[in-house]
Amino acid sequence: MAAAWDARIARLLELLPRRVGDAVTWLRAPSRRWVRIPAALLLIVGGFLAILPVFGLWMLPLGLALLSEDIPGMKPSLERAARWLEAKWTRVVAWWRGRG
């Protein structure tokens, strides 16, 4: 499952604008642990402050994904959650398209 999570992240990085993808790739390097952990924790906290204009829920999964680089046990759980969300999203989209 950890390999599946890494593959999912690699696919998602390809969808990002080049500059953002390069920044995330830089952060994911093993030697950047000293930057990655504080950044991940700040993103997670920012995700909980989504009611404020600058912050948003998008910060929470990004922070968890960055933190999973240093806590390998998180990767299988995040992969399961991503698969569950993907399946739910597919069902919602199919329902939405089928109702009209």
Protein backbone atom coordinates (compact mmCIF):
# COMPACT_ATOMS: atom_id res chain seq x y z
CA MET A 1 0.00 0.00 0.00
CA ALA A 2 2.88 2.39 0.68
CA ALA A 3 4.10 1.91 -2.90
CA ALA A 4 0.57 2.63 -4.18
CA TRP A 5 0.52 5.85 -2.14
CA ASP A 6 3.89 6.91 -3.57
CA ALA A 7 2.64 6.17 -7.09
CA ARG A 8 -0.54 8.19 -6.45
CA ILE A 9 1.53 11.15 -5.23
CA ALA A 10 3.78 10.91 -8.30
CA ARG A 11 0.71 10.99 -10.60
CA LEU A 12 -0.73 13.96 -8.73
CA LEU A 13 2.58 15.84 -8.94
CA GLU A 14 2.42 15.54 -12.73
CA LEU A 15 -0.93 17.37 -12.69
CA LEU A 16 0.37 20.33 -10.72
CA PRO A 17 1.89 23.40 -12.35
CA ARG A 18 5.59 22.82 -12.87
CA ARG A 19 6.72 25.31 -10.24
CA VAL A 20 4.44 23.89 -7.54
CA GLY A 21 5.35 20.31 -8.47
CA ASP A 22 9.04 21.14 -8.26
CA ALA A 23 8.54 22.69 -4.81
CA VAL A 24 6.70 19.60 -3.52
CA THR A 25 9.30 17.31 -5.07
CA TRP A 26 12.02 19.36 -3.35
CA LEU A 27 10.19 19.01 -0.03
CA ARG A 28 9.81 15.24 -0.45
CA ALA A 29 13.58 14.67 -0.70
CA PRO A 30 14.87 12.75 2.36
CA SER A 31 17.39 15.48 3.21
CA ARG A 32 14.60 18.08 3.54
CA ARG A 33 13.12 16.50 6.67
CA TRP A 34 13.99 19.56 8.75
CA VAL A 35 11.79 21.71 6.47
CA ARG A 36 9.13 19.11 5.62
CA ILE A 37 7.95 18.29 9.15
CA PRO A 38 7.31 21.91 10.25
CA ALA A 39 5.70 22.67 6.87
CA ALA A 40 3.44 19.62 7.18
CA LEU A 41 2.40 20.56 10.71
CA LEU A 42 1.66 24.15 9.65
CA LEU A 43 -0.43 22.90 6.71
CA ILE A 44 -2.40 20.58 8.99
CA VAL A 45 -3.11 23.40 11.44
CA GLY A 46 -4.03 25.67 8.53
CA GLY A 47 -6.47 23.04 7.30
CA PHE A 48 -8.34 23.27 10.59
CA LEU A 49 -8.52 27.06 10.17
CA ALA A 50 -10.47 26.75 6.92
CA ILE A 51 -13.02 29.33 8.03
CA LEU A 52 -10.41 32.05 7.54
CA PRO A 53 -10.02 33.46 4.00
CA VAL A 54 -6.39 32.45 3.34
CA PHE A 55 -6.60 28.94 4.74
CA GLY A 56 -8.56 26.04 3.33
CA LEU A 57 -9.32 22.37 3.69
CA TRP A 58 -6.87 21.67 0.83
CA MET A 59 -4.08 22.23 3.35
CA LEU A 60 -5.02 19.26 5.53
CA PRO A 61 -4.43 16.45 2.99
CA LEU A 62 -1.29 18.13 1.70
CA GLY A 63 0.09 18.35 5.23
CA LEU A 64 -0.78 14.71 5.90
CA ALA A 65 0.85 13.65 2.62
CA LEU A 66 4.06 15.50 3.52
CA LEU A 67 4.06 14.07 7.03
CA SER A 68 3.64 10.55 5.62
CA GLU A 69 7.14 10.85 4.15
CA ASP A 70 8.50 10.70 7.69
CA ILE A 71 5.90 8.41 9.28
CA PRO A 72 5.68 5.45 6.86
CA GLY A 73 2.79 3.85 8.76
CA MET A 74 0.57 6.68 7.54
CA LYS A 75 0.91 5.77 3.86
CA PRO A 76 -1.39 2.71 3.85
CA SER A 77 -4.08 4.61 5.76
CA LEU A 78 -3.87 7.58 3.42
CA GLU A 79 -4.02 5.27 0.39
CA ARG A 80 -7.16 3.57 1.75
CA ALA A 81 -8.75 6.96 2.43
CA ALA A 82 -7.85 8.17 -1.06
CA ARG A 83 -9.37 5.05 -2.65
CA TRP A 84 -12.54 5.46 -0.57
CA LEU A 85 -12.86 9.13 -1.54
CA GLU A 86 -12.22 8.32 -5.18
CA ALA A 87 -14.96 5.66 -5.17
CA LYS A 88 -17.42 8.03 -3.46
CA TRP A 89 -16.60 10.80 -5.92
CA THR A 90 -17.12 8.46 -8.87
CA ARG A 91 -20.55 7.49 -7.51
CA VAL A 92 -21.56 11.11 -6.93
CA VAL A 93 -20.50 12.10 -10.45
CA ALA A 94 -22.38 9.14 -11.96
CA TRP A 95 -25.48 10.01 -9.93
CA TRP A 96 -25.24 13.67 -10.96
CA ARG A 97 -24.91 12.86 -14.66
CA GLY A 98 -27.71 10.28 -14.54
CA ARG A 99 -30.31 12.52 -12.96
CA GLY A 100 -30.76 14.83 -15.94
